[in-house]
Amino acid sequence: DSLDWISRHFSVSVKSIQNANGLKNDLIHPGQKLLITTGTKTTSKPNYRSVTAQAPQSSLSSRGSTDEAGDNILSIATSLMGSPYSYGSSGPNSFDCSGFTSYVFNKVGINMPHNAAAQASLGTHVKETDLQPNDLVFFGYYGSQGINHVGIYVGGGKFIHASTNEGVRYSSLNDAYYSSNYRGARRIQ
């Protein structure tokens, strides 16, 4: 779950969740318990409800990256869903594709350059049939052999990335465009 999703689900602001839980940013961890304000009266204390953050389903299975970092990569990535695309940007308010992946991995202490082709030289090669959540997936453009795009595999044939037209979103590796332009995957250790 992300604070954005939790705030929409309980019809409260992200800021109220952060204030109730002493959070300085919107990063939460699977299993973390959060207090949610459910209403206030001017003469009494707010009512609180406790919820537990859940990891995305795909991260509950085996992970591709280091264990502790792997716990957080998809959580951070999904918390950025809907962020707009901006060429050359690496967050926190907008991203291009390699800016998105470098931002997410840097947040868990894995230093990564802001360049898709440079990211394609990191870690170890992974066959498409052996993809695990948190692996980086790389793409070219029609007719090119180079690396022009990168995303983070989430499981189930899907990946999360900063799409030029739609910002941070999920896409399918089986989509005609991505399957024909797939260039490989890397596992960052």
N, C-alpha and C. Protein backbone atom coordinates (compact mmCIF):
# COMPACT_ATOMS: atom_id res chain seq x y z
N ASP A 1 0.84 -1.18 0.00
CA ASP A 1 0.00 0.00 0.00
C ASP A 1 0.88 1.24 0.00
N SER A 2 0.33 2.35 -0.43
CA SER A 2 1.02 3.63 -0.36
C SER A 2 0.17 4.58 0.47
N LEU A 3 0.79 5.63 0.99
CA LEU A 3 0.02 6.60 1.76
C LEU A 3 -1.08 7.22 0.90
N ASP A 4 -0.79 7.41 -0.38
CA ASP A 4 -1.80 7.97 -1.27
C ASP A 4 -3.02 7.05 -1.34
N TRP A 5 -2.78 5.75 -1.54
CA TRP A 5 -3.89 4.79 -1.61
C TRP A 5 -4.64 4.75 -0.29
N ILE A 6 -3.91 4.68 0.82
CA ILE A 6 -4.54 4.61 2.14
C ILE A 6 -5.37 5.87 2.38
N SER A 7 -4.85 7.03 1.99
CA SER A 7 -5.60 8.28 2.21
C SER A 7 -6.89 8.28 1.41
N ARG A 8 -6.84 7.80 0.17
CA ARG A 8 -8.06 7.73 -0.64
C ARG A 8 -9.04 6.71 -0.06
N HIS A 9 -8.52 5.57 0.38
CA HIS A 9 -9.36 4.50 0.91
C HIS A 9 -10.12 4.93 2.17
N PHE A 10 -9.46 5.70 3.04
CA PHE A 10 -10.08 6.13 4.29
C PHE A 10 -10.60 7.57 4.24
N SER A 11 -10.52 8.19 3.06
CA SER A 11 -11.01 9.57 2.87
C SER A 11 -10.38 10.56 3.86
N VAL A 12 -9.07 10.45 4.00
CA VAL A 12 -8.31 11.38 4.83
C VAL A 12 -7.13 11.88 4.00
N SER A 13 -6.51 12.94 4.42
CA SER A 13 -5.36 13.47 3.66
C SER A 13 -4.08 12.71 4.02
N VAL A 14 -3.15 12.70 3.07
CA VAL A 14 -1.83 12.11 3.33
C VAL A 14 -1.19 12.84 4.51
N LYS A 15 -1.34 14.16 4.54
CA LYS A 15 -0.75 14.97 5.62
C LYS A 15 -1.28 14.54 6.99
N SER A 16 -2.59 14.23 7.09
CA SER A 16 -3.14 13.82 8.39
C SER A 16 -2.57 12.46 8.82
N ILE A 17 -2.33 11.58 7.86
CA ILE A 17 -1.70 10.29 8.19
C ILE A 17 -0.27 10.52 8.66
N GLN A 18 0.46 11.38 7.94
CA GLN A 18 1.84 11.68 8.33
C GLN A 18 1.87 12.30 9.72
N ASN A 19 1.00 13.25 9.99
CA ASN A 19 0.97 13.91 11.30
C ASN A 19 0.61 12.94 12.42
N ALA A 20 -0.38 12.08 12.19
CA ALA A 20 -0.82 11.13 13.22
C ALA A 20 0.25 10.10 13.55
N ASN A 21 1.17 9.86 12.60
CA ASN A 21 2.17 8.81 12.77
C ASN A 21 3.59 9.34 12.86
N GLY A 22 3.75 10.66 12.88
CA GLY A 22 5.08 11.25 12.98
C GLY A 22 5.96 10.96 11.78
N LEU A 23 5.37 10.81 10.59
CA LEU A 23 6.13 10.52 9.38
C LEU A 23 6.63 11.81 8.75
N LYS A 24 7.89 11.80 8.31
CA LYS A 24 8.46 12.98 7.68
C LYS A 24 8.30 12.94 6.16
N ASN A 25 8.02 11.74 5.60
CA ASN A 25 7.79 11.61 4.16
C ASN A 25 6.70 10.57 3.94
N ASP A 26 6.49 10.18 2.68
CA ASP A 26 5.39 9.25 2.39
C ASP A 26 5.86 7.80 2.28
N LEU A 27 7.05 7.49 2.78
CA LEU A 27 7.58 6.13 2.73
C LEU A 27 7.02 5.30 3.87
N ILE A 28 6.38 4.19 3.53
CA ILE A 28 5.91 3.24 4.54
C ILE A 28 6.43 1.87 4.17
N HIS A 29 6.45 0.97 5.13
CA HIS A 29 7.01 -0.35 4.95
C HIS A 29 5.94 -1.41 5.16
N PRO A 30 6.03 -2.54 4.41
CA PRO A 30 5.07 -3.63 4.64
C PRO A 30 5.07 -4.04 6.11
N GLY A 31 3.87 -4.18 6.68
CA GLY A 31 3.72 -4.57 8.07
C GLY A 31 3.69 -3.41 9.04
N GLN A 32 4.04 -2.21 8.57
CA GLN A 32 4.03 -1.03 9.44
C GLN A 32 2.60 -0.70 9.83
N LYS A 33 2.38 -0.46 11.13
CA LYS A 33 1.05 -0.09 11.61
C LYS A 33 0.92 1.43 11.57
N LEU A 34 -0.22 1.90 11.06
CA LEU A 34 -0.47 3.33 10.95
C LEU A 34 -1.76 3.70 11.67
N LEU A 35 -1.77 4.87 12.28
CA LEU A 35 -2.99 5.40 12.87
C LEU A 35 -3.66 6.29 11.83
N ILE A 36 -4.98 6.14 11.68
CA ILE A 36 -5.76 6.93 10.74
C ILE A 36 -6.79 7.72 11.53
N THR A 37 -6.81 9.04 11.38
CA THR A 37 -7.83 9.84 12.06
C THR A 37 -9.16 9.61 11.35
N THR A 38 -10.19 9.31 12.14
CA THR A 38 -11.50 9.02 11.54
C THR A 38 -12.52 10.10 11.82
N GLY A 39 -12.12 11.17 12.45
CA GLY A 39 -13.04 12.27 12.72
C GLY A 39 -12.62 13.01 13.96
N THR A 40 -13.00 14.27 14.04
CA THR A 40 -12.66 15.06 15.22
C THR A 40 -13.85 15.92 15.62
N LYS A 41 -13.88 16.24 16.87
CA LYS A 41 -14.81 17.25 17.39
C LYS A 41 -13.94 18.32 17.99
N THR A 42 -14.40 19.54 17.93
CA THR A 42 -13.56 20.64 18.42
C THR A 42 -13.26 20.52 19.91
N THR A 43 -14.06 19.77 20.66
CA THR A 43 -13.85 19.69 22.10
C THR A 43 -13.23 18.37 22.55
N SER A 44 -12.93 17.49 21.62
CA SER A 44 -12.37 16.20 22.03
C SER A 44 -11.17 15.83 21.17
N LYS A 45 -10.50 14.77 21.57
CA LYS A 45 -9.37 14.26 20.82
C LYS A 45 -9.87 13.56 19.56
N PRO A 46 -9.02 13.49 18.51
CA PRO A 46 -9.43 12.77 17.31
C PRO A 46 -9.61 11.28 17.60
N ASN A 47 -10.49 10.65 16.86
CA ASN A 47 -10.63 9.19 16.91
C ASN A 47 -9.60 8.60 15.97
N TYR A 48 -8.97 7.51 16.37
CA TYR A 48 -7.96 6.88 15.54
C TYR A 48 -8.37 5.46 15.21
N ARG A 49 -7.93 5.02 14.04
CA ARG A 49 -8.14 3.65 13.60
C ARG A 49 -6.78 3.14 13.16
N SER A 50 -6.45 1.91 13.49
CA SER A 50 -5.15 1.36 13.14
C SER A 50 -5.27 0.51 11.88
N VAL A 51 -4.34 0.70 10.95
CA VAL A 51 -4.26 -0.13 9.76
C VAL A 51 -2.83 -0.62 9.63
N THR A 52 -2.65 -1.71 8.90
CA THR A 52 -1.32 -2.26 8.66
C THR A 52 -1.02 -2.17 7.18
N ALA A 53 0.11 -1.56 6.82
CA ALA A 53 0.51 -1.45 5.42
C ALA A 53 0.81 -2.84 4.88
N GLN A 54 0.37 -3.08 3.66
CA GLN A 54 0.60 -4.37 3.01
C GLN A 54 1.60 -4.20 1.88
N ALA A 55 2.43 -5.21 1.67
CA ALA A 55 3.34 -5.20 0.54
C ALA A 55 2.55 -5.52 -0.72
N PRO A 56 2.98 -4.99 -1.89
CA PRO A 56 2.32 -5.40 -3.12
C PRO A 56 2.39 -6.92 -3.25
N GLN A 57 1.36 -7.55 -3.80
CA GLN A 57 1.29 -9.01 -3.89
C GLN A 57 2.54 -9.60 -4.52
N SER A 58 3.04 -8.97 -5.58
CA SER A 58 4.18 -9.55 -6.28
C SER A 58 5.43 -9.59 -5.41
N SER A 59 5.57 -8.71 -4.41
CA SER A 59 6.78 -8.71 -3.59
C SER A 59 6.71 -9.72 -2.46
N LEU A 60 5.59 -10.41 -2.31
CA LEU A 60 5.49 -11.42 -1.27
C LEU A 60 6.18 -12.72 -1.68
N SER A 61 6.42 -12.88 -2.98
CA SER A 61 7.14 -14.06 -3.45
C SER A 61 8.63 -13.76 -3.43
N SER A 62 9.43 -14.58 -4.10
CA SER A 62 10.87 -14.37 -4.06
C SER A 62 11.21 -13.03 -4.70
N ARG A 63 12.27 -12.40 -4.21
CA ARG A 63 12.65 -11.10 -4.69
C ARG A 63 13.96 -11.18 -5.46
N GLY A 64 14.13 -10.23 -6.38
CA GLY A 64 15.32 -10.20 -7.20
C GLY A 64 16.47 -9.48 -6.55
N SER A 65 16.24 -8.43 -5.81
CA SER A 65 17.31 -7.62 -5.25
C SER A 65 17.55 -7.97 -3.79
N THR A 66 18.52 -7.32 -3.18
CA THR A 66 18.86 -7.61 -1.80
C THR A 66 17.62 -7.59 -0.92
N ASP A 67 17.56 -8.46 0.08
CA ASP A 67 16.34 -8.67 0.86
C ASP A 67 15.75 -7.40 1.45
N GLU A 68 16.54 -6.67 2.24
CA GLU A 68 15.98 -5.49 2.89
C GLU A 68 15.57 -4.44 1.87
N ALA A 69 16.45 -4.19 0.90
CA ALA A 69 16.13 -3.22 -0.15
C ALA A 69 14.94 -3.72 -0.97
N GLY A 70 14.92 -5.02 -1.25
CA GLY A 70 13.84 -5.60 -2.04
C GLY A 70 12.48 -5.41 -1.40
N ASP A 71 12.45 -5.38 -0.07
CA ASP A 71 11.18 -5.16 0.63
C ASP A 71 10.59 -3.80 0.29
N ASN A 72 11.45 -2.84 0.00
CA ASN A 72 10.99 -1.47 -0.17
C ASN A 72 10.93 -0.98 -1.61
N ILE A 73 11.64 -1.60 -2.53
CA ILE A 73 11.70 -1.10 -3.90
C ILE A 73 10.31 -0.95 -4.51
N LEU A 74 9.53 -2.01 -4.50
CA LEU A 74 8.20 -1.92 -5.11
C LEU A 74 7.27 -1.02 -4.32
N SER A 75 7.43 -0.97 -3.01
CA SER A 75 6.62 -0.09 -2.19
C SER A 75 6.88 1.37 -2.57
N ILE A 76 8.13 1.72 -2.71
CA ILE A 76 8.49 3.09 -3.10
C ILE A 76 8.00 3.36 -4.52
N ALA A 77 8.27 2.42 -5.43
CA ALA A 77 7.86 2.61 -6.82
C ALA A 77 6.36 2.83 -6.95
N THR A 78 5.57 1.99 -6.28
CA THR A 78 4.12 2.12 -6.40
C THR A 78 3.60 3.38 -5.72
N SER A 79 4.31 3.89 -4.72
CA SER A 79 3.87 5.13 -4.08
C SER A 79 3.99 6.32 -5.03
N LEU A 80 4.73 6.14 -6.11
CA LEU A 80 4.95 7.21 -7.09
C LEU A 80 4.01 7.12 -8.29
N MET A 81 3.09 6.15 -8.26
CA MET A 81 2.14 5.96 -9.36
C MET A 81 1.45 7.28 -9.69
N GLY A 82 1.35 7.57 -10.97
CA GLY A 82 0.67 8.79 -11.40
C GLY A 82 1.56 10.01 -11.47
N SER A 83 2.79 9.92 -10.97
CA SER A 83 3.70 11.07 -11.08
C SER A 83 3.93 11.36 -12.56
N PRO A 84 3.99 12.63 -12.94
CA PRO A 84 4.13 12.96 -14.36
C PRO A 84 5.52 12.67 -14.90
N TYR A 85 5.58 12.46 -16.23
CA TYR A 85 6.84 12.28 -16.94
C TYR A 85 7.42 13.66 -17.27
N SER A 86 8.71 13.80 -17.08
CA SER A 86 9.41 15.01 -17.50
C SER A 86 10.83 14.61 -17.89
N TYR A 87 11.19 14.82 -19.15
CA TYR A 87 12.50 14.41 -19.64
C TYR A 87 13.60 15.05 -18.79
N GLY A 88 14.54 14.22 -18.36
CA GLY A 88 15.68 14.69 -17.57
C GLY A 88 15.42 14.78 -16.08
N SER A 89 14.20 14.49 -15.66
CA SER A 89 13.84 14.65 -14.25
C SER A 89 14.05 13.36 -13.46
N SER A 90 14.50 13.51 -12.23
CA SER A 90 14.72 12.34 -11.37
C SER A 90 14.02 12.51 -10.02
N GLY A 91 12.86 13.14 -10.03
CA GLY A 91 12.02 13.22 -8.85
C GLY A 91 12.32 14.42 -7.98
N PRO A 92 11.59 14.54 -6.91
CA PRO A 92 10.56 13.61 -6.44
C PRO A 92 9.18 13.86 -7.03
N ASN A 93 9.00 14.96 -7.79
CA ASN A 93 7.67 15.29 -8.29
C ASN A 93 7.40 14.84 -9.72
N SER A 94 8.43 14.60 -10.51
CA SER A 94 8.29 14.10 -11.87
C SER A 94 9.54 13.31 -12.22
N PHE A 95 9.42 12.48 -13.26
CA PHE A 95 10.50 11.55 -13.60
C PHE A 95 10.57 11.32 -15.10
N ASP A 96 11.78 10.99 -15.58
CA ASP A 96 11.87 10.28 -16.84
C ASP A 96 12.16 8.83 -16.45
N CYS A 97 12.29 7.93 -17.43
CA CYS A 97 12.36 6.50 -17.07
C CYS A 97 13.54 6.16 -16.18
N SER A 98 14.75 6.59 -16.55
CA SER A 98 15.92 6.24 -15.74
C SER A 98 15.98 7.09 -14.47
N GLY A 99 15.39 8.26 -14.50
CA GLY A 99 15.29 9.07 -13.29
C GLY A 99 14.40 8.38 -12.26
N PHE A 100 13.34 7.74 -12.74
CA PHE A 100 12.43 6.99 -11.86
C PHE A 100 13.16 5.81 -11.22
N THR A 101 13.82 4.98 -12.02
CA THR A 101 14.50 3.80 -11.46
C THR A 101 15.65 4.21 -10.54
N SER A 102 16.42 5.24 -10.93
CA SER A 102 17.52 5.65 -10.06
C SER A 102 16.98 6.23 -8.75
N TYR A 103 15.90 6.99 -8.81
CA TYR A 103 15.30 7.55 -7.59
C TYR A 103 14.87 6.43 -6.64
N VAL A 104 14.15 5.44 -7.17
CA VAL A 104 13.65 4.34 -6.34
C VAL A 104 14.80 3.56 -5.72
N PHE A 105 15.78 3.16 -6.52
CA PHE A 105 16.89 2.37 -5.99
C PHE A 105 17.76 3.20 -5.04
N ASN A 106 17.98 4.47 -5.36
CA ASN A 106 18.75 5.33 -4.45
C ASN A 106 18.08 5.45 -3.09
N LYS A 107 16.74 5.46 -3.06
CA LYS A 107 15.99 5.55 -1.80
C LYS A 107 16.27 4.37 -0.87
N VAL A 108 16.65 3.21 -1.44
CA VAL A 108 16.95 2.04 -0.61
C VAL A 108 18.45 1.83 -0.48
N GLY A 109 19.24 2.85 -0.86
CA GLY A 109 20.67 2.78 -0.66
C GLY A 109 21.45 2.13 -1.78
N ILE A 110 20.83 1.92 -2.93
CA ILE A 110 21.53 1.34 -4.08
C ILE A 110 21.77 2.47 -5.07
N ASN A 111 23.03 2.88 -5.19
CA ASN A 111 23.38 4.00 -6.05
C ASN A 111 23.25 3.60 -7.51
N MET A 112 22.57 4.41 -8.28
CA MET A 112 22.31 4.06 -9.67
C MET A 112 22.38 5.33 -10.53
N PRO A 113 23.04 5.26 -11.69
CA PRO A 113 23.12 6.44 -12.55
C PRO A 113 21.76 6.77 -13.18
N HIS A 114 21.62 8.02 -13.61
CA HIS A 114 20.39 8.49 -14.26
C HIS A 114 20.56 8.35 -15.77
N ASN A 115 20.66 7.10 -16.24
CA ASN A 115 20.82 6.82 -17.66
C ASN A 115 20.46 5.35 -17.89
N ALA A 116 19.49 5.09 -18.76
CA ALA A 116 19.02 3.72 -18.98
C ALA A 116 20.13 2.81 -19.49
N ALA A 117 20.92 3.28 -20.46
CA ALA A 117 21.99 2.44 -21.01
C ALA A 117 23.03 2.13 -19.95
N ALA A 118 23.36 3.09 -19.10
CA ALA A 118 24.33 2.86 -18.02
C ALA A 118 23.75 1.87 -17.00
N GLN A 119 22.46 1.97 -16.70
CA GLN A 119 21.83 1.03 -15.77
C GLN A 119 21.86 -0.39 -16.33
N ALA A 120 21.83 -0.52 -17.66
CA ALA A 120 21.83 -1.84 -18.29
C ALA A 120 23.16 -2.56 -18.14
N SER A 121 24.18 -1.86 -17.66
CA SER A 121 25.48 -2.51 -17.44
C SER A 121 25.67 -2.91 -15.98
N LEU A 122 24.72 -2.59 -15.12
CA LEU A 122 24.82 -2.91 -13.69
C LEU A 122 24.29 -4.31 -13.40
N GLY A 123 24.69 -4.86 -12.27
CA GLY A 123 24.13 -6.14 -11.81
C GLY A 123 24.46 -7.29 -12.74
N THR A 124 23.58 -8.29 -12.74
CA THR A 124 23.79 -9.49 -13.55
C THR A 124 22.63 -9.69 -14.52
N HIS A 125 22.95 -10.27 -15.66
CA HIS A 125 21.94 -10.54 -16.69
C HIS A 125 20.91 -11.55 -16.18
N VAL A 126 19.66 -11.34 -16.54
CA VAL A 126 18.56 -12.24 -16.16
C VAL A 126 17.78 -12.59 -17.42
N LYS A 127 17.55 -13.90 -17.64
CA LYS A 127 16.70 -14.32 -18.76
C LYS A 127 15.27 -13.86 -18.50
N GLU A 128 14.55 -13.58 -19.58
CA GLU A 128 13.17 -13.13 -19.44
C GLU A 128 12.32 -14.16 -18.69
N THR A 129 12.63 -15.43 -18.87
CA THR A 129 11.87 -16.49 -18.19
C THR A 129 12.20 -16.59 -16.70
N ASP A 130 13.28 -15.93 -16.26
CA ASP A 130 13.70 -15.97 -14.86
C ASP A 130 13.47 -14.65 -14.12
N LEU A 131 12.70 -13.75 -14.70
CA LEU A 131 12.47 -12.46 -14.06
C LEU A 131 11.85 -12.61 -12.68
N GLN A 132 12.31 -11.78 -11.76
CA GLN A 132 11.76 -11.70 -10.41
C GLN A 132 11.45 -10.25 -10.09
N PRO A 133 10.50 -10.00 -9.19
CA PRO A 133 10.21 -8.62 -8.81
C PRO A 133 11.50 -7.88 -8.41
N ASN A 134 11.58 -6.63 -8.81
CA ASN A 134 12.69 -5.71 -8.57
C ASN A 134 13.77 -5.77 -9.64
N ASP A 135 13.71 -6.74 -10.58
CA ASP A 135 14.67 -6.75 -11.68
C ASP A 135 14.39 -5.55 -12.58
N LEU A 136 15.44 -4.98 -13.15
CA LEU A 136 15.28 -3.90 -14.12
C LEU A 136 15.04 -4.52 -15.48
N VAL A 137 14.07 -3.99 -16.22
CA VAL A 137 13.78 -4.46 -17.58
C VAL A 137 14.06 -3.31 -18.54
N PHE A 138 14.67 -3.64 -19.70
CA PHE A 138 15.16 -2.63 -20.63
C PHE A 138 14.53 -2.79 -22.00
N PHE A 139 14.38 -1.65 -22.68
CA PHE A 139 13.72 -1.62 -23.98
C PHE A 139 14.45 -0.65 -24.90
N GLY A 140 14.29 -0.89 -26.20
CA GLY A 140 14.77 0.05 -27.21
C GLY A 140 13.56 0.70 -27.86
N TYR A 141 13.81 1.38 -28.97
CA TYR A 141 12.72 1.92 -29.78
C TYR A 141 12.64 1.09 -31.04
N TYR A 142 11.52 1.14 -31.74
CA TYR A 142 11.38 0.39 -32.99
C TYR A 142 12.59 0.61 -33.87
N GLY A 143 13.21 -0.49 -34.27
CA GLY A 143 14.34 -0.43 -35.19
C GLY A 143 15.69 -0.16 -34.55
N SER A 144 15.73 0.21 -33.29
CA SER A 144 17.02 0.49 -32.65
C SER A 144 17.49 -0.75 -31.89
N GLN A 145 18.78 -0.85 -31.74
CA GLN A 145 19.35 -1.94 -30.95
C GLN A 145 19.77 -1.46 -29.57
N GLY A 146 19.81 -0.17 -29.37
CA GLY A 146 20.26 0.41 -28.11
C GLY A 146 19.22 0.32 -27.01
N ILE A 147 19.63 0.74 -25.83
CA ILE A 147 18.74 0.80 -24.66
C ILE A 147 18.22 2.23 -24.56
N ASN A 148 16.90 2.38 -24.61
CA ASN A 148 16.30 3.71 -24.54
C ASN A 148 15.27 3.85 -23.44
N HIS A 149 14.93 2.76 -22.76
CA HIS A 149 13.88 2.82 -21.75
C HIS A 149 14.13 1.74 -20.70
N VAL A 150 13.72 2.02 -19.45
CA VAL A 150 13.92 1.08 -18.35
C VAL A 150 12.73 1.15 -17.41
N GLY A 151 12.43 0.01 -16.79
CA GLY A 151 11.38 -0.07 -15.78
C GLY A 151 11.76 -1.11 -14.74
N ILE A 152 10.91 -1.29 -13.75
CA ILE A 152 11.14 -2.25 -12.66
C ILE A 152 10.08 -3.34 -12.75
N TYR A 153 10.53 -4.58 -12.88
CA TYR A 153 9.60 -5.71 -12.98
C TYR A 153 8.89 -5.89 -11.64
N VAL A 154 7.56 -6.09 -11.69
CA VAL A 154 6.78 -6.25 -10.46
C VAL A 154 6.22 -7.65 -10.30
N GLY A 155 6.33 -8.49 -11.33
CA GLY A 155 5.77 -9.83 -11.29
C GLY A 155 4.55 -9.92 -12.19
N GLY A 156 4.15 -11.15 -12.50
CA GLY A 156 2.95 -11.36 -13.30
C GLY A 156 3.04 -10.80 -14.70
N GLY A 157 4.25 -10.67 -15.23
CA GLY A 157 4.42 -10.14 -16.58
C GLY A 157 4.28 -8.63 -16.67
N LYS A 158 4.27 -7.94 -15.54
CA LYS A 158 4.09 -6.48 -15.54
C LYS A 158 5.33 -5.77 -14.97
N PHE A 159 5.47 -4.52 -15.36
CA PHE A 159 6.55 -3.69 -14.83
C PHE A 159 6.01 -2.29 -14.58
N ILE A 160 6.69 -1.56 -13.71
CA ILE A 160 6.33 -0.18 -13.41
C ILE A 160 7.42 0.71 -13.97
N HIS A 161 7.02 1.81 -14.59
CA HIS A 161 7.99 2.68 -15.26
C HIS A 161 7.41 4.07 -15.43
N ALA A 162 8.26 5.01 -15.81
CA ALA A 162 7.81 6.36 -16.15
C ALA A 162 7.59 6.40 -17.65
N SER A 163 6.33 6.30 -18.05
CA SER A 163 5.94 6.31 -19.45
C SER A 163 5.93 7.75 -19.97
N THR A 164 6.46 7.93 -21.17
CA THR A 164 6.52 9.27 -21.76
C THR A 164 5.16 9.94 -21.80
N ASN A 165 4.13 9.18 -22.16
CA ASN A 165 2.79 9.76 -22.33
C ASN A 165 1.93 9.72 -21.08
N GLU A 166 2.19 8.78 -20.17
CA GLU A 166 1.27 8.59 -19.05
C GLU A 166 1.90 8.69 -17.67
N GLY A 167 3.17 9.03 -17.59
CA GLY A 167 3.83 9.14 -16.30
C GLY A 167 4.06 7.76 -15.67
N VAL A 168 4.24 7.72 -14.36
CA VAL A 168 4.55 6.46 -13.67
C VAL A 168 3.30 5.59 -13.68
N ARG A 169 3.46 4.39 -14.24
CA ARG A 169 2.33 3.47 -14.41
C ARG A 169 2.83 2.04 -14.58
N TYR A 170 1.89 1.09 -14.52
CA TYR A 170 2.19 -0.30 -14.82
C TYR A 170 1.98 -0.52 -16.32
N SER A 171 2.79 -1.40 -16.90
CA SER A 171 2.60 -1.86 -18.27
C SER A 171 2.89 -3.34 -18.30
N SER A 172 2.47 -3.99 -19.38
CA SER A 172 2.68 -5.43 -19.54
C SER A 172 3.83 -5.69 -20.49
N LEU A 173 4.67 -6.65 -20.13
CA LEU A 173 5.74 -7.08 -21.04
C LEU A 173 5.15 -7.70 -22.30
N ASN A 174 3.89 -8.15 -22.22
CA ASN A 174 3.23 -8.78 -23.37
C ASN A 174 2.62 -7.77 -24.32
N ASP A 175 2.58 -6.50 -23.93
CA ASP A 175 2.09 -5.45 -24.83
C ASP A 175 2.95 -5.49 -26.10
N ALA A 176 2.32 -5.36 -27.26
CA ALA A 176 3.02 -5.49 -28.54
C ALA A 176 4.26 -4.60 -28.61
N TYR A 177 4.14 -3.35 -28.18
CA TYR A 177 5.27 -2.44 -28.26
C TYR A 177 6.42 -2.91 -27.38
N TYR A 178 6.12 -3.26 -26.13
CA TYR A 178 7.19 -3.64 -25.21
C TYR A 178 7.77 -5.01 -25.54
N SER A 179 6.96 -5.95 -25.96
CA SER A 179 7.50 -7.27 -26.29
C SER A 179 8.42 -7.20 -27.51
N SER A 180 8.10 -6.35 -28.49
CA SER A 180 8.94 -6.27 -29.68
C SER A 180 10.19 -5.41 -29.45
N ASN A 181 10.21 -4.63 -28.40
CA ASN A 181 11.36 -3.77 -28.13
C ASN A 181 12.12 -4.15 -26.86
N TYR A 182 11.80 -5.31 -26.30
CA TYR A 182 12.47 -5.80 -25.09
C TYR A 182 13.94 -6.07 -25.41
N ARG A 183 14.85 -5.56 -24.57
CA ARG A 183 16.29 -5.73 -24.80
C ARG A 183 16.98 -6.54 -23.71
N GLY A 184 16.29 -6.86 -22.62
CA GLY A 184 16.92 -7.66 -21.58
C GLY A 184 16.58 -7.16 -20.19
N ALA A 185 17.17 -7.85 -19.20
CA ALA A 185 16.91 -7.51 -17.80
C ALA A 185 18.18 -7.69 -16.99
N ARG A 186 18.26 -6.95 -15.89
CA ARG A 186 19.39 -7.04 -14.98
C ARG A 186 18.88 -7.13 -13.55
N ARG A 187 19.57 -7.92 -12.76
CA ARG A 187 19.28 -8.04 -11.33
C ARG A 187 20.35 -7.28 -10.57
N ILE A 188 19.92 -6.32 -9.79
CA ILE A 188 20.85 -5.49 -9.01
C ILE A 188 21.03 -6.13 -7.64
N GLN A 189 22.26 -6.45 -7.28
CA GLN A 189 22.54 -7.13 -6.01
C GLN A 189 22.96 -6.17 -4.94
